[in-house]
Amino acid sequence: MKYRRGSEIIIATHDGRGRFDPLGDEKGHVFSLMSRLERVGFHEGCQRIAALIGLRPPVPAWQGSKGD
């Protein structure tokens, strides 16, 4: 799959398990891709990917104590 925005080109691969920029050295996984394309932080990128696939992450089961 190829994504273009102006002069930017990103190619996402499944068998290669990631993405790369054919015009540069940048590569990575889908989470960093979302962060880059949407210009958001990693955490926000993860939340957007979860929303795209209909995933609702559970509330963390572990709660730290005040002494931790």
C-alpha atoms as a PDB file:
ATOM      1  CA  MET A   1       0.000   0.000   0.000  1.00  0.00           C
ATOM      2  CA  LYS A   2       1.375   3.424  -0.900  1.00  0.00           C
ATOM      3  CA  TYR A   3       0.478   6.676   0.841  1.00  0.00           C
ATOM      4  CA  ARG A   4       1.268  10.100  -0.649  1.00  0.00           C
ATOM      5  CA  ARG A   5       0.953  13.580   0.769  1.00  0.00           C
ATOM      6  CA  GLY A   6       2.561  16.213  -1.417  1.00  0.00           C
ATOM      7  CA  SER A   7       6.151  15.102  -1.977  1.00  0.00           C
ATOM      8  CA  GLU A   8       6.014  12.556   0.894  1.00  0.00           C
ATOM      9  CA  ILE A   9       5.693   8.875   0.002  1.00  0.00           C
ATOM     10  CA  ILE A  10       5.322   6.026   2.490  1.00  0.00           C
ATOM     11  CA  ILE A  11       4.972   2.368   1.576  1.00  0.00           C
ATOM     12  CA  ALA A  12       3.409  -0.006   4.108  1.00  0.00           C
ATOM     13  CA  THR A  13       4.141  -3.723   3.804  1.00  0.00           C
ATOM     14  CA  HIS A  14       2.558  -6.681   5.543  1.00  0.00           C
ATOM     15  CA  ASP A  15       5.108  -9.400   4.878  1.00  0.00           C
ATOM     16  CA  GLY A  16       7.892  -7.014   5.807  1.00  0.00           C
ATOM     17  CA  ARG A  17       5.887  -6.145   8.934  1.00  0.00           C
ATOM     18  CA  GLY A  18       6.308  -2.402   8.714  1.00  0.00           C
ATOM     19  CA  ARG A  19       6.681   0.656   6.539  1.00  0.00           C
ATOM     20  CA  PHE A  20       9.412   2.633   4.830  1.00  0.00           C
ATOM     21  CA  ASP A  21      10.025   5.893   3.002  1.00  0.00           C
ATOM     22  CA  PRO A  22      11.398   5.154  -0.500  1.00  0.00           C
ATOM     23  CA  LEU A  23      12.903   8.663  -0.688  1.00  0.00           C
ATOM     24  CA  GLY A  24      14.793   8.441   2.610  1.00  0.00           C
ATOM     25  CA  ASP A  25      16.026   6.186   5.380  1.00  0.00           C
ATOM     26  CA  GLU A  26      12.922   6.311   7.604  1.00  0.00           C
ATOM     27  CA  LYS A  27      11.193   3.021   8.432  1.00  0.00           C
ATOM     28  CA  GLY A  28       9.279   1.510  11.318  1.00  0.00           C
ATOM     29  CA  HIS A  29       6.028  -0.076  12.510  1.00  0.00           C
ATOM     30  CA  VAL A  30       2.378   0.964  12.106  1.00  0.00           C
ATOM     31  CA  PHE A  31       2.331   2.850  15.406  1.00  0.00           C
ATOM     32  CA  SER A  32       5.139   5.201  14.375  1.00  0.00           C
ATOM     33  CA  LEU A  33       3.493   5.474  10.941  1.00  0.00           C
ATOM     34  CA  MET A  34       0.242   6.721  12.481  1.00  0.00           C
ATOM     35  CA  SER A  35       2.179   9.174  14.639  1.00  0.00           C
ATOM     36  CA  ARG A  36       3.999  10.500  11.589  1.00  0.00           C
ATOM     37  CA  LEU A  37       1.016  10.737   9.235  1.00  0.00           C
ATOM     38  CA  GLU A  38      -1.311  12.338  11.764  1.00  0.00           C
ATOM     39  CA  ARG A  39       1.447  14.380  13.431  1.00  0.00           C
ATOM     40  CA  VAL A  40       0.528  13.140  16.920  1.00  0.00           C
ATOM     41  CA  GLY A  41       2.516  11.530  19.736  1.00  0.00           C
ATOM     42  CA  PHE A  42       2.991   7.775  20.053  1.00  0.00           C
ATOM     43  CA  HIS A  43       0.265   7.357  22.704  1.00  0.00           C
ATOM     44  CA  GLU A  44      -2.294   9.286  20.641  1.00  0.00           C
ATOM     45  CA  GLY A  45      -1.272   7.264  17.569  1.00  0.00           C
ATOM     46  CA  CYS A  46      -1.945   4.007  19.452  1.00  0.00           C
ATOM     47  CA  GLN A  47      -5.371   5.277  20.502  1.00  0.00           C
ATOM     48  CA  ARG A  48      -6.241   6.202  16.905  1.00  0.00           C
ATOM     49  CA  ILE A  49      -5.205   2.781  15.631  1.00  0.00           C
ATOM     50  CA  ALA A  50      -7.299   1.127  18.346  1.00  0.00           C
ATOM     51  CA  ALA A  51     -10.301   3.236  17.294  1.00  0.00           C
ATOM     52  CA  LEU A  52      -9.793   2.287  13.626  1.00  0.00           C
ATOM     53  CA  ILE A  53      -9.998  -1.427  14.395  1.00  0.00           C
ATOM     54  CA  GLY A  54     -12.715  -1.127  17.048  1.00  0.00           C
ATOM     55  CA  LEU A  55     -10.476  -2.065  19.973  1.00  0.00           C
ATOM     56  CA  ARG A  56     -11.317  -0.697  23.404  1.00  0.00           C
ATOM     57  CA  PRO A  57      -8.260  -1.238  25.610  1.00  0.00           C
ATOM     58  CA  PRO A  58      -9.146  -2.483  29.116  1.00  0.00           C
ATOM     59  CA  VAL A  59      -8.542  -0.377  32.174  1.00  0.00           C
ATOM     60  CA  PRO A  60      -5.179  -1.352  33.711  1.00  0.00           C
ATOM     61  CA  ALA A  61      -5.658  -4.033  36.377  1.00  0.00           C
ATOM     62  CA  TRP A  62      -2.629  -2.927  38.383  1.00  0.00           C
ATOM     63  CA  GLN A  63      -2.791   0.199  40.500  1.00  0.00           C
ATOM     64  CA  GLY A  64       0.371   1.482  42.155  1.00  0.00           C
ATOM     65  CA  SER A  65       0.334   2.418  45.791  1.00  0.00           C
ATOM     66  CA  LYS A  66       1.371   5.878  46.995  1.00  0.00           C
ATOM     67  CA  GLY A  67       4.657   4.428  48.204  1.00  0.00           C
ATOM     68  CA  ASP A  68       5.651   3.178  44.706  1.00  0.00           C
END
